[in-house]
Each structure stands twice: as C-alpha cells, then as structure tokens.
Amino acid sequence: MIPSLVIVFPFSPIIFHLGPIAIRWYGLGYAVAFLAGLWLAGRHLGRRGVPERMWGDLAFWSIVLGLIAARLYYDFQSGAGYYLTHPQDILAFWQGGMAYFGAVFTVPVFILLYCLWRRLPFWTIADGAALFAAIGQPIGRIGNIFNGDILGYASNLPWAIRYTNPATFAPTTTTAYQPANAYELVLGLLILAIVLSVRRWIRPRDGGLFLLYASLYAVLNFCIFFVRANSITLFGLKQAQLSSIVLAIVLVGVYYAWRRWPVIGAPPPDASPTEGDDGAEDETQEKAAESGDAKAAPTS
C-alpha cells in the first residue's frame, strides 16, 4: 500500500524535444551549474590577479576532462563488463550515469600539471576550482531530482518521494523512496555556505578553500551514502564511501604539501593582487575609481 503522505513527483525529466534530441532538466542543470561555477571562480581569480585569458582554456579542458572522468568512474563502479561489451554506452552522458569522484580524483591533477606548464599559481587556481565545484554541484542535483536517480531506500516517511512518470529512472512508479538526491542538494548548499563564509570572513591562505571543500565533501558524502540505495562493495561500505576514505587519505598528503610548498607555479606576469575580498574589496575598488575620475575630470 502506498502511503498517502509521501510527495508525488509527476514531472518528466525531458523538457522538450528538438527533433530526435531530448532536452533534459539534467543537461540544463549541468549547463547552469557550469555557468554559475565559471562566474564565481572567475570573480575569485580576477581579484587575485589571474586574468580570464590565462585560466579560460584551463577551465574548458577541466570541464571536458571532468565529465569524461565522472562518466568512466560511473562505468567502472556500475559494472565494467557491461560497458566493455557495449562500448557505445561508455560515454552516454544522457543516460544520467555520472560519478563525481571521477572528476574529484582527476581534475586537480590536471590543474596541477597545467599550472606547472603555464606557470600559474596552483593553489590560487585550486581555490577557484573549489568554488566552481561548490556552487555547481547543488545546482546539478536539481537535474538528478527530475531524473529520478540518486534515490534512497524505500520509505513511508512524509517527505519520501514517489515518481509517477515512467520516463524517470526511478525503479518503480508505485514505491516511495527517501529523496537522497534532495539530501545531497541540501548538503551541497551547506558546503557552499561554509566555503563562502570562510572565504569572506577568514580568508585563508591560497589553497585553504580547496582543502576545506574537498574535506567537507569527503565527510558528508561518506555519511549520505548510508541512506542511498547502492550496493555494498567491501567491509559493509558502498563504493562512494570507500572513495571518500581514499580521498580523505589523499588529502592528508595534500595538506602536507600545502604547508610545505605554499607557492607552486608562478604568479601571472600581469598579476595585480589586491587585499580584501567581496563587499569590502568592491567598495575599495569603487572608491579608488571614483578618486581617479575626480582627479582626471576638468574643473569648472
């Protein structure tokens, strides 16, 4: 019997069709997430003297690599045997299967190598990448909600969700599940709020936001998978929980490198870093601009 108090979700994951192409909420969510991430990261890097022309290419290739790595990691943990016999599905992003840890483990390494090659300040760029991910991930989870994936176990809680549209990825249209996708959206917003608060009020040394974001993600992701309906992999834990443990171990080494090598790469040649950030910095820059205009203006 279906509980009467659960949330019923009747919406289709498809917004509309352009001929044979289906435009999905999932894809729209990713597009908006990328734009928001580029905006926030760009503001942060610009205030630290890294012009857009120097990080634009890096951002593009990081997004491409992140998508591919997330899809391949999903393929691996979902059953590599199937994808080896169905190679046409390996990069089928539109099917909804993405594992964020694939991007977490590969994109920072790519950013490090790129920064060493182009002589960019790695820790500064890493903070920008953390802000990109922090604002983009909860936006992307909206697409998961419409998709009907990232679900928890069957539940009769009042906030359990039952997908009635057969086009979603929900296992059935008659069972209500814990909305793990909504849980992850809320936790993503919490991580974003913490990172932005630290950025504004504490302003740690470059690289601190990256370490904070990655640490919060590892801990909260480990916890959220206790309610996600994924199969047990090892030691009573799920694949993503094991990945969270690996990430936490790697971050110990990254923290050591951060403390020992505060500068990796070189600042951009036309860098003009300013002190302060956010509202205080904007006010300082506006006053300076006004002062300069006043001096340049002819007297009447």
C-alpha atoms as a PDB file:
ATOM      1  CA  MET A   1       0.000   0.000   0.000  1.00  0.00           C
ATOM      2  CA  ILE A   2       1.352   3.441  -0.940  1.00  0.00           C
ATOM      3  CA  PRO A   3       1.475   5.892   1.991  1.00  0.00           C
ATOM      4  CA  SER A   4      -0.805   8.886   1.462  1.00  0.00           C
ATOM      5  CA  LEU A   5       1.581  11.472   2.906  1.00  0.00           C
ATOM      6  CA  VAL A   6       4.549  10.967   0.590  1.00  0.00           C
ATOM      7  CA  ILE A   7       5.487  13.505  -2.052  1.00  0.00           C
ATOM      8  CA  VAL A   8       4.289  12.621  -5.546  1.00  0.00           C
ATOM      9  CA  PHE A   9       6.589  13.746  -8.367  1.00  0.00           C
ATOM     10  CA  PRO A  10       4.765  13.555 -11.726  1.00  0.00           C
ATOM     11  CA  PHE A  11       7.180  15.564 -13.874  1.00  0.00           C
ATOM     12  CA  SER A  12       9.091  14.243 -16.852  1.00  0.00           C
ATOM     13  CA  PRO A  13      12.893  14.501 -16.932  1.00  0.00           C
ATOM     14  CA  ILE A  14      12.545  15.783 -20.518  1.00  0.00           C
ATOM     15  CA  ILE A  15      11.771  19.472 -21.025  1.00  0.00           C
ATOM     16  CA  PHE A  16      11.048  19.229 -24.753  1.00  0.00           C
ATOM     17  CA  HIS A  17      12.340  17.636 -27.961  1.00  0.00           C
ATOM     18  CA  LEU A  18      14.296  19.217 -30.780  1.00  0.00           C
ATOM     19  CA  GLY A  19      13.599  16.649 -33.442  1.00  0.00           C
ATOM     20  CA  PRO A  20      15.220  13.422 -32.225  1.00  0.00           C
ATOM     21  CA  ILE A  21      17.164  15.251 -29.482  1.00  0.00           C
ATOM     22  CA  ALA A  22      15.643  15.312 -25.989  1.00  0.00           C
ATOM     23  CA  ILE A  23      16.430  18.407 -23.927  1.00  0.00           C
ATOM     24  CA  ARG A  24      16.521  17.228 -20.324  1.00  0.00           C
ATOM     25  CA  TRP A  25      16.443  19.007 -16.986  1.00  0.00           C
ATOM     26  CA  TYR A  26      19.609  17.056 -16.177  1.00  0.00           C
ATOM     27  CA  GLY A  27      21.527  18.647 -19.042  1.00  0.00           C
ATOM     28  CA  LEU A  28      20.091  22.090 -18.323  1.00  0.00           C
ATOM     29  CA  GLY A  29      21.150  21.728 -14.687  1.00  0.00           C
ATOM     30  CA  TYR A  30      24.712  20.950 -15.739  1.00  0.00           C
ATOM     31  CA  ALA A  31      24.783  23.923 -18.116  1.00  0.00           C
ATOM     32  CA  VAL A  32      23.573  26.333 -15.429  1.00  0.00           C
ATOM     33  CA  ALA A  33      25.988  24.782 -12.921  1.00  0.00           C
ATOM     34  CA  PHE A  34      28.933  25.350 -15.268  1.00  0.00           C
ATOM     35  CA  LEU A  35      27.953  28.964 -15.911  1.00  0.00           C
ATOM     36  CA  ALA A  36      27.494  29.692 -12.205  1.00  0.00           C
ATOM     37  CA  GLY A  37      30.785  27.972 -11.406  1.00  0.00           C
ATOM     38  CA  LEU A  38      32.677  29.931 -14.037  1.00  0.00           C
ATOM     39  CA  TRP A  39      31.167  33.165 -12.766  1.00  0.00           C
ATOM     40  CA  LEU A  40      32.120  32.563  -9.121  1.00  0.00           C
ATOM     41  CA  ALA A  41      35.562  31.143  -9.904  1.00  0.00           C
ATOM     42  CA  GLY A  42      36.239  33.989 -12.331  1.00  0.00           C
ATOM     43  CA  ARG A  43      35.432  36.624  -9.713  1.00  0.00           C
ATOM     44  CA  HIS A  44      37.714  34.927  -7.223  1.00  0.00           C
ATOM     45  CA  LEU A  45      40.626  34.528  -9.632  1.00  0.00           C
ATOM     46  CA  GLY A  46      40.226  38.009 -11.049  1.00  0.00           C
ATOM     47  CA  ARG A  47      40.549  39.506  -7.588  1.00  0.00           C
ATOM     48  CA  ARG A  48      43.793  37.613  -7.167  1.00  0.00           C
ATOM     49  CA  GLY A  49      45.312  38.922 -10.337  1.00  0.00           C
ATOM     50  CA  VAL A  50      44.670  35.950 -12.618  1.00  0.00           C
ATOM     51  CA  PRO A  51      43.067  37.317 -15.806  1.00  0.00           C
ATOM     52  CA  GLU A  52      40.437  35.332 -17.655  1.00  0.00           C
ATOM     53  CA  ARG A  53      42.625  34.799 -20.692  1.00  0.00           C
ATOM     54  CA  MET A  54      45.019  32.784 -18.504  1.00  0.00           C
ATOM     55  CA  TRP A  55      42.518  30.434 -16.885  1.00  0.00           C
ATOM     56  CA  GLY A  56      39.855  30.227 -19.612  1.00  0.00           C
ATOM     57  CA  ASP A  57      41.472  27.355 -21.504  1.00  0.00           C
ATOM     58  CA  LEU A  58      42.169  25.537 -18.255  1.00  0.00           C
ATOM     59  CA  ALA A  59      38.522  25.818 -17.236  1.00  0.00           C
ATOM     60  CA  PHE A  60      37.306  24.470 -20.586  1.00  0.00           C
ATOM     61  CA  TRP A  61      39.548  21.417 -20.568  1.00  0.00           C
ATOM     62  CA  SER A  62      38.910  20.789 -16.878  1.00  0.00           C
ATOM     63  CA  ILE A  63      35.170  20.635 -17.574  1.00  0.00           C
ATOM     64  CA  VAL A  64      35.673  18.268 -20.525  1.00  0.00           C
ATOM     65  CA  LEU A  65      38.028  16.030 -18.544  1.00  0.00           C
ATOM     66  CA  GLY A  66      35.754  16.127 -15.503  1.00  0.00           C
ATOM     67  CA  LEU A  67      32.734  14.974 -17.499  1.00  0.00           C
ATOM     68  CA  ILE A  68      34.661  12.133 -19.134  1.00  0.00           C
ATOM     69  CA  ALA A  69      36.271  11.036 -15.866  1.00  0.00           C
ATOM     70  CA  ALA A  70      32.947  11.150 -13.993  1.00  0.00           C
ATOM     71  CA  ARG A  71      31.305   9.014 -16.666  1.00  0.00           C
ATOM     72  CA  LEU A  72      34.159   6.487 -16.792  1.00  0.00           C
ATOM     73  CA  TYR A  73      34.197   6.190 -13.000  1.00  0.00           C
ATOM     74  CA  TYR A  74      30.467   5.503 -13.095  1.00  0.00           C
ATOM     75  CA  ASP A  75      31.001   2.873 -15.792  1.00  0.00           C
ATOM     76  CA  PHE A  76      33.675   1.201 -13.686  1.00  0.00           C
ATOM     77  CA  GLN A  77      31.712   1.070 -10.452  1.00  0.00           C
ATOM     78  CA  SER A  78      28.466   0.078 -12.193  1.00  0.00           C
ATOM     79  CA  GLY A  79      29.984  -2.933 -13.910  1.00  0.00           C
ATOM     80  CA  ALA A  80      32.869  -2.602 -16.321  1.00  0.00           C
ATOM     81  CA  GLY A  81      31.958  -5.868 -18.013  1.00  0.00           C
ATOM     82  CA  TYR A  82      28.748  -4.453 -19.469  1.00  0.00           C
ATOM     83  CA  TYR A  83      30.441  -1.380 -20.911  1.00  0.00           C
ATOM     84  CA  LEU A  84      33.284  -3.405 -22.390  1.00  0.00           C
ATOM     85  CA  THR A  85      30.692  -5.354 -24.371  1.00  0.00           C
ATOM     86  CA  HIS A  86      28.596  -2.236 -25.099  1.00  0.00           C
ATOM     87  CA  PRO A  87      31.201   0.409 -25.984  1.00  0.00           C
ATOM     88  CA  GLN A  88      28.539   2.675 -27.479  1.00  0.00           C
ATOM     89  CA  ASP A  89      27.276   3.303 -23.932  1.00  0.00           C
ATOM     90  CA  ILE A  90      30.630   4.166 -22.357  1.00  0.00           C
ATOM     91  CA  LEU A  91      30.232   7.918 -22.827  1.00  0.00           C
ATOM     92  CA  ALA A  92      26.425   8.020 -22.907  1.00  0.00           C
ATOM     93  CA  PHE A  93      26.114  11.041 -20.594  1.00  0.00           C
ATOM     94  CA  TRP A  94      22.448  11.452 -21.480  1.00  0.00           C
ATOM     95  CA  GLN A  95      21.662   8.208 -19.681  1.00  0.00           C
ATOM     96  CA  GLY A  96      22.251  10.017 -16.404  1.00  0.00           C
ATOM     97  CA  GLY A  97      25.140   7.979 -15.010  1.00  0.00           C
ATOM     98  CA  MET A  98      27.899  10.153 -13.551  1.00  0.00           C
ATOM     99  CA  ALA A  99      30.173   9.514 -10.575  1.00  0.00           C
ATOM    100  CA  TYR A 100      31.519  12.773  -9.198  1.00  0.00           C
ATOM    101  CA  PHE A 101      34.571  11.113  -7.663  1.00  0.00           C
ATOM    102  CA  GLY A 102      35.949  10.513 -11.136  1.00  0.00           C
ATOM    103  CA  ALA A 103      36.292  14.278 -11.551  1.00  0.00           C
ATOM    104  CA  VAL A 104      37.490  14.756  -7.962  1.00  0.00           C
ATOM    105  CA  PHE A 105      40.438  12.420  -8.470  1.00  0.00           C
ATOM    106  CA  THR A 106      41.498  13.540 -11.948  1.00  0.00           C
ATOM    107  CA  VAL A 107      40.787  17.250 -12.423  1.00  0.00           C
ATOM    108  CA  PRO A 108      43.067  18.515  -9.599  1.00  0.00           C
ATOM    109  CA  VAL A 109      45.967  16.522 -11.055  1.00  0.00           C
ATOM    110  CA  PHE A 110      45.290  18.025 -14.477  1.00  0.00           C
ATOM    111  CA  ILE A 111      45.125  21.521 -12.963  1.00  0.00           C
ATOM    112  CA  LEU A 112      48.468  20.974 -11.216  1.00  0.00           C
ATOM    113  CA  LEU A 113      50.179  19.865 -14.424  1.00  0.00           C
ATOM    114  CA  TYR A 114      48.618  22.718 -16.381  1.00  0.00           C
ATOM    115  CA  CYS A 115      49.705  25.295 -13.802  1.00  0.00           C
ATOM    116  CA  LEU A 116      53.275  23.978 -13.828  1.00  0.00           C
ATOM    117  CA  TRP A 117      53.273  24.134 -17.635  1.00  0.00           C
ATOM    118  CA  ARG A 118      51.777  27.617 -17.910  1.00  0.00           C
ATOM    119  CA  ARG A 119      53.407  28.972 -14.748  1.00  0.00           C
ATOM    120  CA  LEU A 120      50.146  29.727 -12.972  1.00  0.00           C
ATOM    121  CA  PRO A 121      49.741  29.785  -9.163  1.00  0.00           C
ATOM    122  CA  PHE A 122      48.348  26.331  -8.443  1.00  0.00           C
ATOM    123  CA  TRP A 123      46.858  26.925  -5.001  1.00  0.00           C
ATOM    124  CA  THR A 124      45.073  30.054  -6.209  1.00  0.00           C
ATOM    125  CA  ILE A 125      43.634  28.185  -9.194  1.00  0.00           C
ATOM    126  CA  ALA A 126      42.690  25.265  -6.928  1.00  0.00           C
ATOM    127  CA  ASP A 127      40.620  27.603  -4.764  1.00  0.00           C
ATOM    128  CA  GLY A 128      38.844  28.817  -7.885  1.00  0.00           C
ATOM    129  CA  ALA A 129      38.143  25.211  -8.858  1.00  0.00           C
ATOM    130  CA  ALA A 130      36.739  24.521  -5.382  1.00  0.00           C
ATOM    131  CA  LEU A 131      34.360  27.464  -5.687  1.00  0.00           C
ATOM    132  CA  PHE A 132      33.348  26.239  -9.153  1.00  0.00           C
ATOM    133  CA  ALA A 133      32.507  22.820  -7.751  1.00  0.00           C
ATOM    134  CA  ALA A 134      30.862  24.124  -4.570  1.00  0.00           C
ATOM    135  CA  ILE A 135      28.288  26.228  -6.408  1.00  0.00           C
ATOM    136  CA  GLY A 136      27.872  23.878  -9.355  1.00  0.00           C
ATOM    137  CA  GLN A 137      27.197  20.647  -7.520  1.00  0.00           C
ATOM    138  CA  PRO A 138      23.940  21.595  -5.745  1.00  0.00           C
ATOM    139  CA  ILE A 139      22.610  23.116  -8.962  1.00  0.00           C
ATOM    140  CA  GLY A 140      23.369  19.874 -10.778  1.00  0.00           C
ATOM    141  CA  ARG A 141      21.435  17.916  -8.151  1.00  0.00           C
ATOM    142  CA  ILE A 142      18.243  19.606  -9.355  1.00  0.00           C
ATOM    143  CA  GLY A 143      18.690  17.623 -12.567  1.00  0.00           C
ATOM    144  CA  ASN A 144      19.027  14.435 -10.517  1.00  0.00           C
ATOM    145  CA  ILE A 145      15.736  15.181  -8.792  1.00  0.00           C
ATOM    146  CA  PHE A 146      13.966  15.461 -12.157  1.00  0.00           C
ATOM    147  CA  ASN A 147      15.781  12.365 -13.418  1.00  0.00           C
ATOM    148  CA  GLY A 148      14.618  10.258 -10.520  1.00  0.00           C
ATOM    149  CA  ASP A 149      18.105   8.939  -9.841  1.00  0.00           C
ATOM    150  CA  ILE A 150      20.254   9.097  -6.675  1.00  0.00           C
ATOM    151  CA  LEU A 151      17.437   7.668  -4.577  1.00  0.00           C
ATOM    152  CA  GLY A 152      17.448   6.267  -1.081  1.00  0.00           C
ATOM    153  CA  TYR A 153      15.742   3.163   0.242  1.00  0.00           C
ATOM    154  CA  ALA A 154      12.007   2.591   0.058  1.00  0.00           C
ATOM    155  CA  SER A 155      10.337   4.629   2.768  1.00  0.00           C
ATOM    156  CA  ASN A 156       6.982   5.760   4.147  1.00  0.00           C
ATOM    157  CA  LEU A 157       8.350   8.972   5.646  1.00  0.00           C
ATOM    158  CA  PRO A 158       6.201  12.042   4.901  1.00  0.00           C
ATOM    159  CA  TRP A 159       9.000  13.507   2.779  1.00  0.00           C
ATOM    160  CA  ALA A 160       9.597  10.304   0.831  1.00  0.00           C
ATOM    161  CA  ILE A 161       9.136  10.795  -2.891  1.00  0.00           C
ATOM    162  CA  ARG A 162       7.263   8.662  -5.412  1.00  0.00           C
ATOM    163  CA  TYR A 163       7.941   9.168  -9.109  1.00  0.00           C
ATOM    164  CA  THR A 164       4.846   8.570 -11.196  1.00  0.00           C
ATOM    165  CA  ASN A 165       6.294   9.445 -14.608  1.00  0.00           C
ATOM    166  CA  PRO A 166       7.615   6.279 -16.308  1.00  0.00           C
ATOM    167  CA  ALA A 167      10.255   8.311 -18.171  1.00  0.00           C
ATOM    168  CA  THR A 168      12.266   8.833 -14.975  1.00  0.00           C
ATOM    169  CA  PHE A 169      14.992   6.489 -13.749  1.00  0.00           C
ATOM    170  CA  ALA A 170      13.049   5.564 -10.600  1.00  0.00           C
ATOM    171  CA  PRO A 171      12.890   1.761 -10.235  1.00  0.00           C
ATOM    172  CA  THR A 172       9.094   1.749  -9.945  1.00  0.00           C
ATOM    173  CA  THR A 173       6.185   4.208 -10.055  1.00  0.00           C
ATOM    174  CA  THR A 174       4.433   2.596  -7.086  1.00  0.00           C
ATOM    175  CA  THR A 175       7.105   2.857  -4.399  1.00  0.00           C
ATOM    176  CA  ALA A 176       8.176   5.929  -2.425  1.00  0.00           C
ATOM    177  CA  TYR A 177      11.875   6.404  -1.699  1.00  0.00           C
ATOM    178  CA  GLN A 178      13.931   8.590   0.564  1.00  0.00           C
ATOM    179  CA  PRO A 179      14.964  11.576  -1.602  1.00  0.00           C
ATOM    180  CA  ALA A 180      18.720  11.140  -1.341  1.00  0.00           C
ATOM    181  CA  ASN A 181      19.092  13.491  -4.310  1.00  0.00           C
ATOM    182  CA  ALA A 182      17.400  16.264  -2.292  1.00  0.00           C
ATOM    183  CA  TYR A 183      19.544  15.398   0.734  1.00  0.00           C
ATOM    184  CA  GLU A 184      22.647  15.861  -1.412  1.00  0.00           C
ATOM    185  CA  LEU A 185      21.314  19.162  -2.738  1.00  0.00           C
ATOM    186  CA  VAL A 186      20.865  20.442   0.834  1.00  0.00           C
ATOM    187  CA  LEU A 187      24.313  19.220   1.887  1.00  0.00           C
ATOM    188  CA  GLY A 188      25.798  20.821  -1.227  1.00  0.00           C
ATOM    189  CA  LEU A 189      24.226  24.145  -0.259  1.00  0.00           C
ATOM    190  CA  LEU A 190      25.641  23.712   3.248  1.00  0.00           C
ATOM    191  CA  ILE A 191      29.142  23.143   1.859  1.00  0.00           C
ATOM    192  CA  LEU A 192      28.761  26.182  -0.389  1.00  0.00           C
ATOM    193  CA  ALA A 193      27.644  28.348   2.543  1.00  0.00           C
ATOM    194  CA  ILE A 194      30.605  27.225   4.656  1.00  0.00           C
ATOM    195  CA  VAL A 195      33.149  27.774   1.878  1.00  0.00           C
ATOM    196  CA  LEU A 196      31.769  31.229   1.043  1.00  0.00           C
ATOM    197  CA  SER A 197      31.701  32.201   4.718  1.00  0.00           C
ATOM    198  CA  VAL A 198      35.308  31.145   5.218  1.00  0.00           C
ATOM    199  CA  ARG A 199      36.292  32.942   2.017  1.00  0.00           C
ATOM    200  CA  ARG A 200      34.655  36.149   3.167  1.00  0.00           C
ATOM    201  CA  TRP A 201      35.382  36.276   6.881  1.00  0.00           C
ATOM    202  CA  ILE A 202      38.509  34.179   7.453  1.00  0.00           C
ATOM    203  CA  ARG A 203      40.257  34.436   4.073  1.00  0.00           C
ATOM    204  CA  PRO A 204      42.735  31.573   4.446  1.00  0.00           C
ATOM    205  CA  ARG A 205      45.973  31.308   2.528  1.00  0.00           C
ATOM    206  CA  ASP A 206      45.561  30.266  -1.103  1.00  0.00           C
ATOM    207  CA  GLY A 207      44.709  26.589  -1.229  1.00  0.00           C
ATOM    208  CA  GLY A 208      42.736  26.678   2.006  1.00  0.00           C
ATOM    209  CA  LEU A 209      39.349  26.792   0.270  1.00  0.00           C
ATOM    210  CA  PHE A 210      40.304  23.812  -1.875  1.00  0.00           C
ATOM    211  CA  LEU A 211      41.279  21.747   1.167  1.00  0.00           C
ATOM    212  CA  LEU A 212      38.156  22.812   3.048  1.00  0.00           C
ATOM    213  CA  TYR A 213      35.813  21.958   0.188  1.00  0.00           C
ATOM    214  CA  ALA A 214      37.409  18.576  -0.509  1.00  0.00           C
ATOM    215  CA  SER A 215      37.400  17.643   3.192  1.00  0.00           C
ATOM    216  CA  LEU A 216      33.750  18.592   3.663  1.00  0.00           C
ATOM    217  CA  TYR A 217      32.787  16.683   0.546  1.00  0.00           C
ATOM    218  CA  ALA A 218      34.620  13.541   1.683  1.00  0.00           C
ATOM    219  CA  VAL A 219      32.987  13.548   5.118  1.00  0.00           C
ATOM    220  CA  LEU A 220      29.441  14.462   4.088  1.00  0.00           C
ATOM    221  CA  ASN A 221      29.470  12.147   1.072  1.00  0.00           C
ATOM    222  CA  PHE A 222      30.537   9.259   3.321  1.00  0.00           C
ATOM    223  CA  CYS A 223      27.563   9.976   5.583  1.00  0.00           C
ATOM    224  CA  ILE A 224      24.918  10.480   2.888  1.00  0.00           C
ATOM    225  CA  PHE A 225      25.578   7.069   1.337  1.00  0.00           C
ATOM    226  CA  PHE A 226      24.177   5.343   4.399  1.00  0.00           C
ATOM    227  CA  VAL A 227      20.728   6.286   3.071  1.00  0.00           C
ATOM    228  CA  ARG A 228      21.435   5.871  -0.649  1.00  0.00           C
ATOM    229  CA  ALA A 229      20.242   2.601  -2.135  1.00  0.00           C
ATOM    230  CA  ASN A 230      23.572   1.491  -3.577  1.00  0.00           C
ATOM    231  CA  SER A 231      25.012  -1.994  -3.279  1.00  0.00           C
ATOM    232  CA  ILE A 232      27.579  -2.888  -0.633  1.00  0.00           C
ATOM    233  CA  THR A 233      31.082  -3.210  -2.059  1.00  0.00           C
ATOM    234  CA  LEU A 234      33.522  -4.019   0.777  1.00  0.00           C
ATOM    235  CA  PHE A 235      33.619  -4.026   4.583  1.00  0.00           C
ATOM    236  CA  GLY A 236      29.921  -3.183   4.703  1.00  0.00           C
ATOM    237  CA  LEU A 237      30.541   0.051   2.812  1.00  0.00           C
ATOM    238  CA  LYS A 238      29.487   1.279  -0.617  1.00  0.00           C
ATOM    239  CA  GLN A 239      31.737   2.259  -3.489  1.00  0.00           C
ATOM    240  CA  ALA A 240      31.437   6.009  -2.884  1.00  0.00           C
ATOM    241  CA  GLN A 241      32.138   5.563   0.844  1.00  0.00           C
ATOM    242  CA  LEU A 242      35.356   3.744   0.031  1.00  0.00           C
ATOM    243  CA  SER A 243      36.187   6.538  -2.399  1.00  0.00           C
ATOM    244  CA  SER A 244      35.546   9.064   0.389  1.00  0.00           C
ATOM    245  CA  ILE A 245      38.033   7.247   2.618  1.00  0.00           C
ATOM    246  CA  VAL A 246      40.625   7.250  -0.171  1.00  0.00           C
ATOM    247  CA  LEU A 247      40.027  10.973  -0.734  1.00  0.00           C
ATOM    248  CA  ALA A 248      40.467  11.690   2.978  1.00  0.00           C
ATOM    249  CA  ILE A 249      43.789   9.812   2.992  1.00  0.00           C
ATOM    250  CA  VAL A 250      44.974  11.667  -0.120  1.00  0.00           C
ATOM    251  CA  LEU A 251      44.028  14.990   1.473  1.00  0.00           C
ATOM    252  CA  VAL A 252      46.424  14.307   4.348  1.00  0.00           C
ATOM    253  CA  GLY A 253      49.273  14.290   1.828  1.00  0.00           C
ATOM    254  CA  VAL A 254      47.847  17.329   0.033  1.00  0.00           C
ATOM    255  CA  TYR A 255      47.681  19.207   3.333  1.00  0.00           C
ATOM    256  CA  TYR A 256      51.336  18.381   3.981  1.00  0.00           C
ATOM    257  CA  ALA A 257      52.263  19.680   0.524  1.00  0.00           C
ATOM    258  CA  TRP A 258      50.199  22.819   1.135  1.00  0.00           C
ATOM    259  CA  ARG A 259      52.061  23.545   4.355  1.00  0.00           C
ATOM    260  CA  ARG A 260      55.481  22.730   2.920  1.00  0.00           C
ATOM    261  CA  TRP A 261      55.099  24.333  -0.525  1.00  0.00           C
ATOM    262  CA  PRO A 262      52.831  27.381  -0.201  1.00  0.00           C
ATOM    263  CA  VAL A 263      53.773  28.502  -3.712  1.00  0.00           C
ATOM    264  CA  ILE A 264      53.516  26.099  -6.643  1.00  0.00           C
ATOM    265  CA  GLY A 265      53.886  27.579 -10.082  1.00  0.00           C
ATOM    266  CA  ALA A 266      54.494  31.282 -10.603  1.00  0.00           C
ATOM    267  CA  PRO A 267      52.125  34.253 -10.426  1.00  0.00           C
ATOM    268  CA  PRO A 268      50.876  35.500 -13.781  1.00  0.00           C
ATOM    269  CA  PRO A 269      53.120  38.231 -15.222  1.00  0.00           C
ATOM    270  CA  ASP A 270      50.386  40.863 -15.150  1.00  0.00           C
ATOM    271  CA  ALA A 271      49.026  39.937 -11.745  1.00  0.00           C
ATOM    272  CA  SER A 272      47.826  42.792  -9.633  1.00  0.00           C
ATOM    273  CA  PRO A 273      46.522  41.190  -6.438  1.00  0.00           C
ATOM    274  CA  THR A 274      44.586  43.317  -4.030  1.00  0.00           C
ATOM    275  CA  GLU A 275      43.918  42.897  -0.357  1.00  0.00           C
ATOM    276  CA  GLY A 276      40.456  42.113   0.865  1.00  0.00           C
ATOM    277  CA  ASP A 277      37.573  40.428  -0.844  1.00  0.00           C
ATOM    278  CA  ASP A 278      33.873  40.517  -1.606  1.00  0.00           C
ATOM    279  CA  GLY A 279      31.993  43.606  -0.460  1.00  0.00           C
ATOM    280  CA  ALA A 280      34.947  45.261   1.255  1.00  0.00           C
ATOM    281  CA  GLU A 281      37.153  44.852  -1.795  1.00  0.00           C
ATOM    282  CA  ASP A 282      34.457  46.055  -4.170  1.00  0.00           C
ATOM    283  CA  GLU A 283      33.977  49.164  -2.055  1.00  0.00           C
ATOM    284  CA  THR A 284      37.718  49.856  -2.023  1.00  0.00           C
ATOM    285  CA  GLN A 285      37.958  49.475  -5.792  1.00  0.00           C
ATOM    286  CA  GLU A 286      34.916  51.701  -6.344  1.00  0.00           C
ATOM    287  CA  LYS A 287      36.370  54.445  -4.129  1.00  0.00           C
ATOM    288  CA  ALA A 288      39.691  54.258  -5.952  1.00  0.00           C
ATOM    289  CA  ALA A 289      37.912  54.524  -9.304  1.00  0.00           C
ATOM    290  CA  GLU A 290      35.876  57.472  -8.109  1.00  0.00           C
ATOM    291  CA  SER A 291      39.005  59.186  -6.809  1.00  0.00           C
ATOM    292  CA  GLY A 292      40.776  58.642 -10.119  1.00  0.00           C
ATOM    293  CA  ASP A 293      37.815  60.025 -12.058  1.00  0.00           C
ATOM    294  CA  ALA A 294      37.689  63.075  -9.840  1.00  0.00           C
ATOM    295  CA  LYS A 295      41.363  63.841 -10.435  1.00  0.00           C
ATOM    296  CA  ALA A 296      41.060  63.349 -14.172  1.00  0.00           C
ATOM    297  CA  ALA A 297      37.891  65.446 -14.546  1.00  0.00           C
ATOM    298  CA  PRO A 298      38.383  69.069 -15.560  1.00  0.00           C
ATOM    299  CA  THR A 299      37.383  71.725 -13.060  1.00  0.00           C
ATOM    300  CA  SER A 300      34.516  74.025 -13.927  1.00  0.00           C
END
